[in-house]
Amino acid sequence: PSKFLLHQVYDLATDRDFQGRIAFVEDYDIHMARYLVQ
């Protein structure tokens, strides 16, 4: 169910009407988290 939800959010984020204002960062890991939390 959560994998389906992730796919749903990804589809919404890539909608052209949002003009690139919503980004989905793939391959989330500790290294990526370090940059996001700061």
Full PDB file with SEQRES, HELIX, SHEET, SSBOND, CRYST1, ORIGX, SCALE, CONECT and MASTER records, all heavy atoms in Angstrom:
SEQRES   1 A   38  PRO SER LYS PHE LEU LEU HIS GLN VAL TYR ASP LEU ALA          
SEQRES   2 A   38  THR ASP ARG ASP PHE GLN GLY ARG ILE ALA PHE VAL GLU          
SEQRES   3 A   38  ASP TYR ASP ILE HIS MET ALA ARG TYR LEU VAL GLN              
HELIX    1 AA1 SER A    2  ALA A   13  1                                  12    
HELIX    2 AA2 ARG A   16  PHE A   18  5                                   3    
HELIX    3 AA3 ILE A   30  LEU A   36  1                                   7    
CRYST1    1.000    1.000    1.000  90.00  90.00  90.00 P 1           1          
ORIGX1      1.000000  0.000000  0.000000        0.00000                         
ORIGX2      0.000000  1.000000  0.000000        0.00000                         
ORIGX3      0.000000  0.000000  1.000000        0.00000                         
SCALE1      1.000000  0.000000  0.000000        0.00000                         
SCALE2      0.000000  1.000000  0.000000        0.00000                         
SCALE3      0.000000  0.000000  1.000000        0.00000                         
ATOM      1  N   PRO A   1       0.815  -1.219   0.000  1.00  0.00           N  
ATOM      2  CA  PRO A   1       0.000   0.000   0.000  1.00  0.00           C  
ATOM      3  C   PRO A   1       0.850   1.272   0.000  1.00  0.00           C  
ATOM      4  O   PRO A   1       0.527   2.242  -0.692  1.00  0.00           O  
ATOM      5  CB  PRO A   1      -0.823  -0.131   1.291  1.00  0.00           C  
ATOM      6  CG  PRO A   1      -0.911  -1.594   1.525  1.00  0.00           C  
ATOM      7  CD  PRO A   1       0.424  -2.138   1.095  1.00  0.00           C  
ATOM      8  N   SER A   2       1.941   1.255   0.761  1.00  0.00           N  
ATOM      9  CA  SER A   2       2.810   2.427   0.810  1.00  0.00           C  
ATOM     10  C   SER A   2       3.583   2.610  -0.493  1.00  0.00           C  
ATOM     11  O   SER A   2       3.853   3.742  -0.918  1.00  0.00           O  
ATOM     12  CB  SER A   2       3.791   2.316   1.987  1.00  0.00           C  
ATOM     13  OG  SER A   2       3.089   2.363   3.212  1.00  0.00           O  
ATOM     14  N   LYS A   3       3.922   1.498  -1.145  1.00  0.00           N  
ATOM     15  CA  LYS A   3       4.599   1.598  -2.440  1.00  0.00           C  
ATOM     16  C   LYS A   3       3.659   2.205  -3.479  1.00  0.00           C  
ATOM     17  O   LYS A   3       4.078   3.019  -4.323  1.00  0.00           O  
ATOM     18  CB  LYS A   3       5.079   0.211  -2.884  1.00  0.00           C  
ATOM     19  CG  LYS A   3       6.245  -0.308  -2.062  1.00  0.00           C  
ATOM     20  CD  LYS A   3       6.497  -1.781  -2.282  1.00  0.00           C  
ATOM     21  CE  LYS A   3       7.155  -2.055  -3.612  1.00  0.00           C  
ATOM     22  NZ  LYS A   3       7.544  -3.475  -3.746  1.00  0.00           N  
ATOM     23  N   PHE A   4       2.398   1.851  -3.406  1.00  0.00           N  
ATOM     24  CA  PHE A   4       1.411   2.446  -4.298  1.00  0.00           C  
ATOM     25  C   PHE A   4       1.269   3.942  -4.012  1.00  0.00           C  
ATOM     26  O   PHE A   4       1.169   4.768  -4.932  1.00  0.00           O  
ATOM     27  CB  PHE A   4       0.057   1.756  -4.131  1.00  0.00           C  
ATOM     28  CG  PHE A   4      -1.056   2.408  -4.897  1.00  0.00           C  
ATOM     29  CD1 PHE A   4      -1.194   2.202  -6.268  1.00  0.00           C  
ATOM     30  CD2 PHE A   4      -1.960   3.245  -4.259  1.00  0.00           C  
ATOM     31  CE1 PHE A   4      -2.214   2.828  -6.987  1.00  0.00           C  
ATOM     32  CE2 PHE A   4      -2.977   3.870  -4.963  1.00  0.00           C  
ATOM     33  CZ  PHE A   4      -3.100   3.654  -6.340  1.00  0.00           C  
ATOM     34  N   LEU A   5       1.293   4.306  -2.730  1.00  0.00           N  
ATOM     35  CA  LEU A   5       1.184   5.697  -2.328  1.00  0.00           C  
ATOM     36  C   LEU A   5       2.374   6.499  -2.832  1.00  0.00           C  
ATOM     37  O   LEU A   5       2.238   7.628  -3.311  1.00  0.00           O  
ATOM     38  CB  LEU A   5       1.099   5.781  -0.800  1.00  0.00           C  
ATOM     39  CG  LEU A   5       0.802   7.145  -0.185  1.00  0.00           C  
ATOM     40  CD1 LEU A   5      -0.530   7.679  -0.676  1.00  0.00           C  
ATOM     41  CD2 LEU A   5       0.807   7.034   1.332  1.00  0.00           C  
ATOM     42  N   LEU A   6       3.552   5.915  -2.742  1.00  0.00           N  
ATOM     43  CA  LEU A   6       4.757   6.575  -3.248  1.00  0.00           C  
ATOM     44  C   LEU A   6       4.627   6.848  -4.746  1.00  0.00           C  
ATOM     45  O   LEU A   6       4.959   7.937  -5.231  1.00  0.00           O  
ATOM     46  CB  LEU A   6       5.985   5.714  -2.956  1.00  0.00           C  
ATOM     47  CG  LEU A   6       7.362   6.323  -3.240  1.00  0.00           C  
ATOM     48  CD1 LEU A   6       8.414   5.683  -2.341  1.00  0.00           C  
ATOM     49  CD2 LEU A   6       7.787   6.141  -4.691  1.00  0.00           C  
ATOM     50  N   HIS A   7       4.133   5.854  -5.469  1.00  0.00           N  
ATOM     51  CA  HIS A   7       3.947   6.009  -6.914  1.00  0.00           C  
ATOM     52  C   HIS A   7       2.936   7.111  -7.210  1.00  0.00           C  
ATOM     53  O   HIS A   7       3.126   7.913  -8.143  1.00  0.00           O  
ATOM     54  CB  HIS A   7       3.483   4.685  -7.511  1.00  0.00           C  
ATOM     55  CG  HIS A   7       3.314   4.718  -9.000  1.00  0.00           C  
ATOM     56  ND1 HIS A   7       4.383   4.778  -9.869  1.00  0.00           N  
ATOM     57  CD2 HIS A   7       2.204   4.727  -9.776  1.00  0.00           C  
ATOM     58  CE1 HIS A   7       3.935   4.811 -11.115  1.00  0.00           C  
ATOM     59  NE2 HIS A   7       2.619   4.778 -11.082  1.00  0.00           N  
ATOM     60  N   GLN A   8       1.885   7.180  -6.406  1.00  0.00           N  
ATOM     61  CA  GLN A   8       0.865   8.197  -6.587  1.00  0.00           C  
ATOM     62  C   GLN A   8       1.450   9.594  -6.376  1.00  0.00           C  
ATOM     63  O   GLN A   8       1.195  10.515  -7.170  1.00  0.00           O  
ATOM     64  CB  GLN A   8      -0.279   7.965  -5.600  1.00  0.00           C  
ATOM     65  CG  GLN A   8      -1.404   8.973  -5.689  1.00  0.00           C  
ATOM     66  CD  GLN A   8      -2.434   8.784  -4.585  1.00  0.00           C  
ATOM     67  OE1 GLN A   8      -2.126   8.238  -3.523  1.00  0.00           O  
ATOM     68  NE2 GLN A   8      -3.654   9.234  -4.831  1.00  0.00           N  
ATOM     69  N   VAL A   9       2.224   9.756  -5.314  1.00  0.00           N  
ATOM     70  CA  VAL A   9       2.845  11.054  -5.029  1.00  0.00           C  
ATOM     71  C   VAL A   9       3.830  11.432  -6.124  1.00  0.00           C  
ATOM     72  O   VAL A   9       3.900  12.587  -6.553  1.00  0.00           O  
ATOM     73  CB  VAL A   9       3.542  11.023  -3.646  1.00  0.00           C  
ATOM     74  CG1 VAL A   9       4.392  12.280  -3.442  1.00  0.00           C  
ATOM     75  CG2 VAL A   9       2.515  10.906  -2.534  1.00  0.00           C  
ATOM     76  N   TYR A  10       4.574  10.453  -6.598  1.00  0.00           N  
ATOM     77  CA  TYR A  10       5.530  10.717  -7.683  1.00  0.00           C  
ATOM     78  C   TYR A  10       4.816  11.224  -8.932  1.00  0.00           C  
ATOM     79  O   TYR A  10       5.263  12.183  -9.576  1.00  0.00           O  
ATOM     80  CB  TYR A  10       6.314   9.444  -7.996  1.00  0.00           C  
ATOM     81  CG  TYR A  10       7.309   9.614  -9.132  1.00  0.00           C  
ATOM     82  CD1 TYR A  10       8.567  10.154  -8.890  1.00  0.00           C  
ATOM     83  CD2 TYR A  10       6.980   9.242 -10.427  1.00  0.00           C  
ATOM     84  CE1 TYR A  10       9.479  10.331  -9.920  1.00  0.00           C  
ATOM     85  CE2 TYR A  10       7.878   9.411 -11.471  1.00  0.00           C  
ATOM     86  CZ  TYR A  10       9.128   9.954 -11.205  1.00  0.00           C  
ATOM     87  OH  TYR A  10      10.024  10.127 -12.240  1.00  0.00           O  
ATOM     88  N   ASP A  11       3.699  10.603  -9.274  1.00  0.00           N  
ATOM     89  CA  ASP A  11       2.929  11.033 -10.446  1.00  0.00           C  
ATOM     90  C   ASP A  11       2.417  12.458 -10.282  1.00  0.00           C  
ATOM     91  O   ASP A  11       2.454  13.268 -11.216  1.00  0.00           O  
ATOM     92  CB  ASP A  11       1.757  10.086 -10.692  1.00  0.00           C  
ATOM     93  CG  ASP A  11       2.186   8.763 -11.307  1.00  0.00           C  
ATOM     94  OD1 ASP A  11       3.323   8.697 -11.819  1.00  0.00           O  
ATOM     95  OD2 ASP A  11       1.395   7.811 -11.267  1.00  0.00           O  
ATOM     96  N   LEU A  12       1.933  12.775  -9.091  1.00  0.00           N  
ATOM     97  CA  LEU A  12       1.437  14.118  -8.831  1.00  0.00           C  
ATOM     98  C   LEU A  12       2.568  15.145  -8.896  1.00  0.00           C  
ATOM     99  O   LEU A  12       2.407  16.243  -9.424  1.00  0.00           O  
ATOM    100  CB  LEU A  12       0.765  14.172  -7.458  1.00  0.00           C  
ATOM    101  CG  LEU A  12      -0.576  13.453  -7.332  1.00  0.00           C  
ATOM    102  CD1 LEU A  12      -0.951  13.281  -5.867  1.00  0.00           C  
ATOM    103  CD2 LEU A  12      -1.669  14.226  -8.064  1.00  0.00           C  
ATOM    104  N   ALA A  13       3.726  14.762  -8.366  1.00  0.00           N  
ATOM    105  CA  ALA A  13       4.865  15.682  -8.338  1.00  0.00           C  
ATOM    106  C   ALA A  13       5.377  16.010  -9.732  1.00  0.00           C  
ATOM    107  O   ALA A  13       5.927  17.094  -9.961  1.00  0.00           O  
ATOM    108  CB  ALA A  13       5.990  15.084  -7.498  1.00  0.00           C  
ATOM    109  N   THR A  14       5.208  15.068 -10.658  1.00  0.00           N  
ATOM    110  CA  THR A  14       5.717  15.285 -12.013  1.00  0.00           C  
ATOM    111  C   THR A  14       4.677  15.888 -12.955  1.00  0.00           C  
ATOM    112  O   THR A  14       4.937  16.013 -14.156  1.00  0.00           O  
ATOM    113  CB  THR A  14       6.233  13.956 -12.607  1.00  0.00           C  
ATOM    114  OG1 THR A  14       5.196  12.967 -12.550  1.00  0.00           O  
ATOM    115  CG2 THR A  14       7.442  13.458 -11.835  1.00  0.00           C  
ATOM    116  N   ASP A  15       3.518  16.258 -12.414  1.00  0.00           N  
ATOM    117  CA  ASP A  15       2.480  16.898 -13.223  1.00  0.00           C  
ATOM    118  C   ASP A  15       3.017  18.219 -13.788  1.00  0.00           C  
ATOM    119  O   ASP A  15       3.542  19.063 -13.047  1.00  0.00           O  
ATOM    120  CB  ASP A  15       1.256  17.169 -12.335  1.00  0.00           C  
ATOM    121  CG  ASP A  15       0.055  17.675 -13.123  1.00  0.00           C  
ATOM    122  OD1 ASP A  15       0.248  18.503 -14.042  1.00  0.00           O  
ATOM    123  OD2 ASP A  15      -1.065  17.252 -12.821  1.00  0.00           O  
ATOM    124  N   ARG A  16       2.868  18.438 -15.068  1.00  0.00           N  
ATOM    125  CA  ARG A  16       3.398  19.636 -15.713  1.00  0.00           C  
ATOM    126  C   ARG A  16       2.799  20.925 -15.158  1.00  0.00           C  
ATOM    127  O   ARG A  16       3.440  21.982 -15.173  1.00  0.00           O  
ATOM    128  CB  ARG A  16       3.142  19.579 -17.224  1.00  0.00           C  
ATOM    129  CG  ARG A  16       3.985  18.547 -17.958  1.00  0.00           C  
ATOM    130  CD  ARG A  16       3.725  18.613 -19.455  1.00  0.00           C  
ATOM    131  NE  ARG A  16       4.529  17.637 -20.180  1.00  0.00           N  
ATOM    132  CZ  ARG A  16       4.491  17.494 -21.508  1.00  0.00           C  
ATOM    133  NH1 ARG A  16       3.678  18.274 -22.232  1.00  0.00           N  
ATOM    134  NH2 ARG A  16       5.236  16.590 -22.099  1.00  0.00           N  
ATOM    135  N   ASP A  17       1.588  20.845 -14.662  1.00  0.00           N  
ATOM    136  CA  ASP A  17       0.925  22.043 -14.145  1.00  0.00           C  
ATOM    137  C   ASP A  17       1.625  22.620 -12.916  1.00  0.00           C  
ATOM    138  O   ASP A  17       1.396  23.772 -12.549  1.00  0.00           O  
ATOM    139  CB  ASP A  17      -0.537  21.737 -13.798  1.00  0.00           C  
ATOM    140  CG  ASP A  17      -1.402  21.617 -15.040  1.00  0.00           C  
ATOM    141  OD1 ASP A  17      -0.957  22.077 -16.112  1.00  0.00           O  
ATOM    142  OD2 ASP A  17      -2.513  21.067 -14.936  1.00  0.00           O  
ATOM    143  N   PHE A  18       2.454  21.813 -12.281  1.00  0.00           N  
ATOM    144  CA  PHE A  18       3.192  22.317 -11.122  1.00  0.00           C  
ATOM    145  C   PHE A  18       4.483  23.032 -11.528  1.00  0.00           C  
ATOM    146  O   PHE A  18       5.204  23.554 -10.682  1.00  0.00           O  
ATOM    147  CB  PHE A  18       3.506  21.183 -10.146  1.00  0.00           C  
ATOM    148  CG  PHE A  18       2.313  20.751  -9.342  1.00  0.00           C  
ATOM    149  CD1 PHE A  18       1.841  19.450  -9.422  1.00  0.00           C  
ATOM    150  CD2 PHE A  18       1.653  21.633  -8.506  1.00  0.00           C  
ATOM    151  CE1 PHE A  18       0.731  19.047  -8.690  1.00  0.00           C  
ATOM    152  CE2 PHE A  18       0.553  21.246  -7.771  1.00  0.00           C  
ATOM    153  CZ  PHE A  18       0.089  19.952  -7.857  1.00  0.00           C  
ATOM    154  N   GLN A  19       4.797  23.025 -12.811  1.00  0.00           N  
ATOM    155  CA  GLN A  19       5.903  23.797 -13.376  1.00  0.00           C  
ATOM    156  C   GLN A  19       7.244  23.519 -12.701  1.00  0.00           C  
ATOM    157  O   GLN A  19       8.052  24.408 -12.484  1.00  0.00           O  
ATOM    158  CB  GLN A  19       5.579  25.298 -13.299  1.00  0.00           C  
ATOM    159  CG  GLN A  19       4.350  25.684 -14.103  1.00  0.00           C  
ATOM    160  CD  GLN A  19       4.056  27.158 -14.041  1.00  0.00           C  
ATOM    161  OE1 GLN A  19       4.534  27.876 -13.177  1.00  0.00           O  
ATOM    162  NE2 GLN A  19       3.245  27.643 -14.977  1.00  0.00           N  
ATOM    163  N   GLY A  20       7.458  22.282 -12.322  1.00  0.00           N  
ATOM    164  CA  GLY A  20       8.739  21.929 -11.723  1.00  0.00           C  
ATOM    165  C   GLY A  20       8.932  22.395 -10.301  1.00  0.00           C  
ATOM    166  O   GLY A  20      10.035  22.308  -9.757  1.00  0.00           O  
ATOM    167  N   ARG A  21       7.856  22.877  -9.658  1.00  0.00           N  
ATOM    168  CA  ARG A  21       7.972  23.375  -8.291  1.00  0.00           C  
ATOM    169  C   ARG A  21       7.888  22.267  -7.245  1.00  0.00           C  
ATOM    170  O   ARG A  21       8.061  22.509  -6.059  1.00  0.00           O  
ATOM    171  CB  ARG A  21       6.862  24.409  -8.022  1.00  0.00           C  
ATOM    172  CG  ARG A  21       7.072  25.725  -8.740  1.00  0.00           C  
ATOM    173  CD  ARG A  21       8.212  26.490  -8.129  1.00  0.00           C  
ATOM    174  NE  ARG A  21       8.431  27.758  -8.799  1.00  0.00           N  
ATOM    175  CZ  ARG A  21       9.371  28.619  -8.431  1.00  0.00           C  
ATOM    176  NH1 ARG A  21      10.153  28.336  -7.411  1.00  0.00           N  
ATOM    177  NH2 ARG A  21       9.532  29.750  -9.084  1.00  0.00           N  
ATOM    178  N   ILE A  22       7.570  21.051  -7.673  1.00  0.00           N  
ATOM    179  CA  ILE A  22       7.543  19.915  -6.758  1.00  0.00           C  
ATOM    180  C   ILE A  22       8.565  18.897  -7.252  1.00  0.00           C  
ATOM    181  O   ILE A  22       8.495  18.432  -8.389  1.00  0.00           O  
ATOM    182  CB  ILE A  22       6.146  19.281  -6.678  1.00  0.00           C  
ATOM    183  CG1 ILE A  22       5.130  20.317  -6.170  1.00  0.00           C  
ATOM    184  CG2 ILE A  22       6.164  18.061  -5.762  1.00  0.00           C  
ATOM    185  CD1 ILE A  22       3.721  19.786  -6.054  1.00  0.00           C  
ATOM    186  N   ALA A  23       9.523  18.581  -6.410  1.00  0.00           N  
ATOM    187  CA  ALA A  23      10.605  17.675  -6.793  1.00  0.00           C  
ATOM    188  C   ALA A  23      10.521  16.391  -5.986  1.00  0.00           C  
ATOM    189  O   ALA A  23      10.111  16.400  -4.819  1.00  0.00           O  
ATOM    190  CB  ALA A  23      11.960  18.340  -6.565  1.00  0.00           C  
ATOM    191  N   PHE A  24      10.895  15.296  -6.598  1.00  0.00           N  
ATOM    192  CA  PHE A  24      10.953  14.002  -5.916  1.00  0.00           C  
ATOM    193  C   PHE A  24      12.393  13.500  -6.006  1.00  0.00           C  
ATOM    194  O   PHE A  24      12.890  13.204  -7.088  1.00  0.00           O  
ATOM    195  CB  PHE A  24      10.004  12.992  -6.559  1.00  0.00           C  
ATOM    196  CG  PHE A  24       9.771  11.770  -5.704  1.00  0.00           C  
ATOM    197  CD1 PHE A  24       8.613  11.637  -4.970  1.00  0.00           C  
ATOM    198  CD2 PHE A  24      10.733  10.780  -5.629  1.00  0.00           C  
ATOM    199  CE1 PHE A  24       8.403  10.515  -4.181  1.00  0.00           C  
ATOM    200  CE2 PHE A  24      10.529   9.661  -4.840  1.00  0.00           C  
ATOM    201  CZ  PHE A  24       9.362   9.528  -4.103  1.00  0.00           C  
ATOM    202  N   VAL A  25      13.067  13.430  -4.874  1.00  0.00           N  
ATOM    203  CA  VAL A  25      14.465  12.996  -4.821  1.00  0.00           C  
ATOM    204  C   VAL A  25      14.504  11.483  -4.676  1.00  0.00           C  
ATOM    205  O   VAL A  25      14.008  10.928  -3.688  1.00  0.00           O  
ATOM    206  CB  VAL A  25      15.208  13.662  -3.647  1.00  0.00           C  
ATOM    207  CG1 VAL A  25      16.656  13.194  -3.600  1.00  0.00           C  
ATOM    208  CG2 VAL A  25      15.137  15.181  -3.771  1.00  0.00           C  
ATOM    209  N   GLU A  26      15.071  10.817  -5.637  1.00  0.00           N  
ATOM    210  CA  GLU A  26      15.140   9.356  -5.617  1.00  0.00           C  
ATOM    211  C   GLU A  26      16.384   8.869  -4.866  1.00  0.00           C  
ATOM    212  O   GLU A  26      17.292   9.635  -4.574  1.00  0.00           O  
ATOM    213  CB  GLU A  26      15.155   8.826  -7.059  1.00  0.00           C  
ATOM    214  CG  GLU A  26      13.912   9.206  -7.853  1.00  0.00           C  
ATOM    215  CD  GLU A  26      13.926   8.633  -9.255  1.00  0.00           C  
ATOM    216  OE1 GLU A  26      14.502   7.544  -9.451  1.00  0.00           O  
ATOM    217  OE2 GLU A  26      13.367   9.277 -10.157  1.00  0.00           O  
ATOM    218  N   ASP A  27      16.396   7.564  -4.578  1.00  0.00           N  
ATOM    219  CA  ASP A  27      17.538   6.914  -3.913  1.00  0.00           C  
ATOM    220  C   ASP A  27      17.889   7.596  -2.592  1.00  0.00           C  
ATOM    221  O   ASP A  27      19.046   7.919  -2.312  1.00  0.00           O  
ATOM    222  CB  ASP A  27      18.759   6.889  -4.840  1.00  0.00           C  
ATOM    223  CG  ASP A  27      18.523   6.080  -6.096  1.00  0.00           C  
ATOM    224  OD1 ASP A  27      17.813   5.055  -5.998  1.00  0.00           O  
ATOM    225  OD2 ASP A  27      19.015   6.463  -7.159  1.00  0.00           O  
ATOM    226  N   TYR A  28      16.880   7.821  -1.784  1.00  0.00           N  
ATOM    227  CA  TYR A  28      17.087   8.455  -0.478  1.00  0.00           C  
ATOM    228  C   TYR A  28      17.945   7.554   0.413  1.00  0.00           C  
ATOM    229  O   TYR A  28      17.712   6.356   0.535  1.00  0.00           O  
ATOM    230  CB  TYR A  28      15.731   8.703   0.177  1.00  0.00           C  
ATOM    231  CG  TYR A  28      15.798   9.391   1.516  1.00  0.00           C  
ATOM    232  CD1 TYR A  28      15.763  10.777   1.603  1.00  0.00           C  
ATOM    233  CD2 TYR A  28      15.891   8.654   2.690  1.00  0.00           C  
ATOM    234  CE1 TYR A  28      15.809  11.420   2.829  1.00  0.00           C  
ATOM    235  CE2 TYR A  28      15.940   9.289   3.921  1.00  0.00           C  
ATOM    236  CZ  TYR A  28      15.899  10.675   3.990  1.00  0.00           C  
ATOM    237  OH  TYR A  28      15.954  11.294   5.211  1.00  0.00           O  
ATOM    238  N   ASP A  29      18.960   8.136   1.043  1.00  0.00           N  
ATOM    239  CA  ASP A  29      19.804   7.408   1.986  1.00  0.00           C  
ATOM    240  C   ASP A  29      20.343   8.385   3.024  1.00  0.00           C  
ATOM    241  O   ASP A  29      19.985   9.574   3.034  1.00  0.00           O  
ATOM    242  CB  ASP A  29      20.952   6.682   1.259  1.00  0.00           C  
ATOM    243  CG  ASP A  29      21.820   7.635   0.434  1.00  0.00           C  
ATOM    244  OD1 ASP A  29      21.729   8.869   0.635  1.00  0.00           O  
ATOM    245  OD2 ASP A  29      22.594   7.151  -0.418  1.00  0.00           O  
ATOM    246  N   ILE A  30      21.220   7.911   3.898  1.00  0.00           N  
ATOM    247  CA  ILE A  30      21.749   8.756   4.971  1.00  0.00           C  
ATOM    248  C   ILE A  30      22.524   9.942   4.406  1.00  0.00           C  
ATOM    249  O   ILE A  30      22.466  11.055   4.934  1.00  0.00           O  
ATOM    250  CB  ILE A  30      22.638   7.926   5.912  1.00  0.00           C  
ATOM    251  CG1 ILE A  30      21.779   6.887   6.659  1.00  0.00           C  
ATOM    252  CG2 ILE A  30      23.346   8.824   6.919  1.00  0.00           C  
ATOM    253  CD1 ILE A  30      22.577   5.959   7.551  1.00  0.00           C  
ATOM    254  N   HIS A  31      23.253   9.703   3.330  1.00  0.00           N  
ATOM    255  CA  HIS A  31      24.026  10.772   2.710  1.00  0.00           C  
ATOM    256  C   HIS A  31      23.103  11.885   2.220  1.00  0.00           C  
ATOM    257  O   HIS A  31      23.361  13.080   2.459  1.00  0.00           O  
ATOM    258  CB  HIS A  31      24.854  10.216   1.550  1.00  0.00           C  
ATOM    259  CG  HIS A  31      25.640  11.258   0.811  1.00  0.00           C  
ATOM    260  ND1 HIS A  31      26.769  11.844   1.342  1.00  0.00           N  
ATOM    261  CD2 HIS A  31      25.447  11.822  -0.414  1.00  0.00           C  
ATOM    262  CE1 HIS A  31      27.243  12.733   0.475  1.00  0.00           C  
ATOM    263  NE2 HIS A  31      26.457  12.738  -0.591  1.00  0.00           N  
ATOM    264  N   MET A  32      22.020  11.507   1.569  1.00  0.00           N  
ATOM    265  CA  MET A  32      21.060  12.498   1.084  1.00  0.00           C  
ATOM    266  C   MET A  32      20.370  13.202   2.246  1.00  0.00           C  
ATOM    267  O   MET A  32      20.152  14.424   2.212  1.00  0.00           O  
ATOM    268  CB  MET A  32      20.025  11.819   0.187  1.00  0.00           C  
ATOM    269  CG  MET A  32      18.927  12.750  -0.332  1.00  0.00           C  
ATOM    270  SD  MET A  32      19.554  14.111  -1.325  1.00  0.00           S  
ATOM    271  CE  MET A  32      20.166  13.177  -2.752  1.00  0.00           C  
ATOM    272  N   ALA A  33      20.036  12.436   3.289  1.00  0.00           N  
ATOM    273  CA  ALA A  33      19.357  13.018   4.445  1.00  0.00           C  
ATOM    274  C   ALA A  33      20.199  14.120   5.083  1.00  0.00           C  
ATOM    275  O   ALA A  33      19.673  15.133   5.555  1.00  0.00           O  
ATOM    276  CB  ALA A  33      19.061  11.929   5.481  1.00  0.00           C  
ATOM    277  N   ARG A  34      21.501  13.934   5.093  1.00  0.00           N  
ATOM    278  CA  ARG A  34      22.418  14.918   5.680  1.00  0.00           C  
ATOM    279  C   ARG A  34      22.251  16.284   5.019  1.00  0.00           C  
ATOM    280  O   ARG A  34      22.297  17.324   5.686  1.00  0.00           O  
ATOM    281  CB  ARG A  34      23.854  14.427   5.545  1.00  0.00           C  
ATOM    282  CG  ARG A  34      24.902  15.356   6.136  1.00  0.00           C  
ATOM    283  CD  ARG A  34      26.256  14.665   6.177  1.00  0.00           C  
ATOM    284  NE  ARG A  34      27.296  15.567   6.635  1.00  0.00           N  
ATOM    285  CZ  ARG A  34      28.075  16.281   5.814  1.00  0.00           C  
ATOM    286  NH1 ARG A  34      27.925  16.168   4.504  1.00  0.00           N  
ATOM    287  NH2 ARG A  34      28.996  17.082   6.291  1.00  0.00           N  
ATOM    288  N   TYR A  35      22.066  16.275   3.718  1.00  0.00           N  
ATOM    289  CA  TYR A  35      21.885  17.536   3.001  1.00  0.00           C  
ATOM    290  C   TYR A  35      20.488  18.114   3.207  1.00  0.00           C  
ATOM    291  O   TYR A  35      20.318  19.337   3.319  1.00  0.00           O  
ATOM    292  CB  TYR A  35      22.152  17.338   1.510  1.00  0.00           C  
ATOM    293  CG  TYR A  35      23.605  17.114   1.192  1.00  0.00           C  
ATOM    294  CD1 TYR A  35      24.091  15.836   0.930  1.00  0.00           C  
ATOM    295  CD2 TYR A  35      24.509  18.177   1.169  1.00  0.00           C  
ATOM    296  CE1 TYR A  35      25.432  15.615   0.642  1.00  0.00           C  
ATOM    297  CE2 TYR A  35      25.856  17.972   0.888  1.00  0.00           C  
ATOM    298  CZ  TYR A  35      26.308  16.692   0.623  1.00  0.00           C  
ATOM    299  OH  TYR A  35      27.639  16.479   0.357  1.00  0.00           O  
ATOM    300  N   LEU A  36      19.492  17.253   3.279  1.00  0.00           N  
ATOM    301  CA  LEU A  36      18.121  17.728   3.421  1.00  0.00           C  
ATOM    302  C   LEU A  36      17.877  18.366   4.784  1.00  0.00           C  
ATOM    303  O   LEU A  36      17.238  19.420   4.875  1.00  0.00           O  
ATOM    304  CB  LEU A  36      17.138  16.576   3.192  1.00  0.00           C  
ATOM    305  CG  LEU A  36      17.030  16.061   1.758  1.00  0.00           C  
ATOM    306  CD1 LEU A  36      16.108  14.849   1.702  1.00  0.00           C  
ATOM    307  CD2 LEU A  36      16.510  17.154   0.825  1.00  0.00           C  
ATOM    308  N   VAL A  37      18.350  17.739   5.859  1.00  0.00           N  
ATOM    309  CA  VAL A  37      18.051  18.262   7.198  1.00  0.00           C  
ATOM    310  C   VAL A  37      18.771  19.572   7.496  1.00  0.00           C  
ATOM    311  O   VAL A  37      18.478  20.223   8.502  1.00  0.00           O  
ATOM    312  CB  VAL A  37      18.389  17.226   8.305  1.00  0.00           C  
ATOM    313  CG1 VAL A  37      17.543  15.985   8.153  1.00  0.00           C  
ATOM    314  CG2 VAL A  37      19.875  16.882   8.319  1.00  0.00           C  
ATOM    315  N   GLN A  38      19.706  19.960   6.649  1.00  0.00           N  
ATOM    316  CA  GLN A  38      20.359  21.253   6.868  1.00  0.00           C  
ATOM    317  C   GLN A  38      20.176  22.209   5.690  1.00  0.00           C  
ATOM    318  O   GLN A  38      20.586  23.371   5.761  1.00  0.00           O  
ATOM    319  CB  GLN A  38      21.863  21.058   7.111  1.00  0.00           C  
ATOM    320  CG  GLN A  38      22.617  20.391   5.977  1.00  0.00           C  
ATOM    321  CD  GLN A  38      24.075  20.140   6.318  1.00  0.00           C  
ATOM    322  OE1 GLN A  38      24.848  21.072   6.449  1.00  0.00           O  
ATOM    323  NE2 GLN A  38      24.446  18.884   6.479  1.00  0.00           N  
TER     324      GLN A  38                                                      
MASTER        0    0    0    3    0    0    0    6  323    1    0    3          
END                                                                             
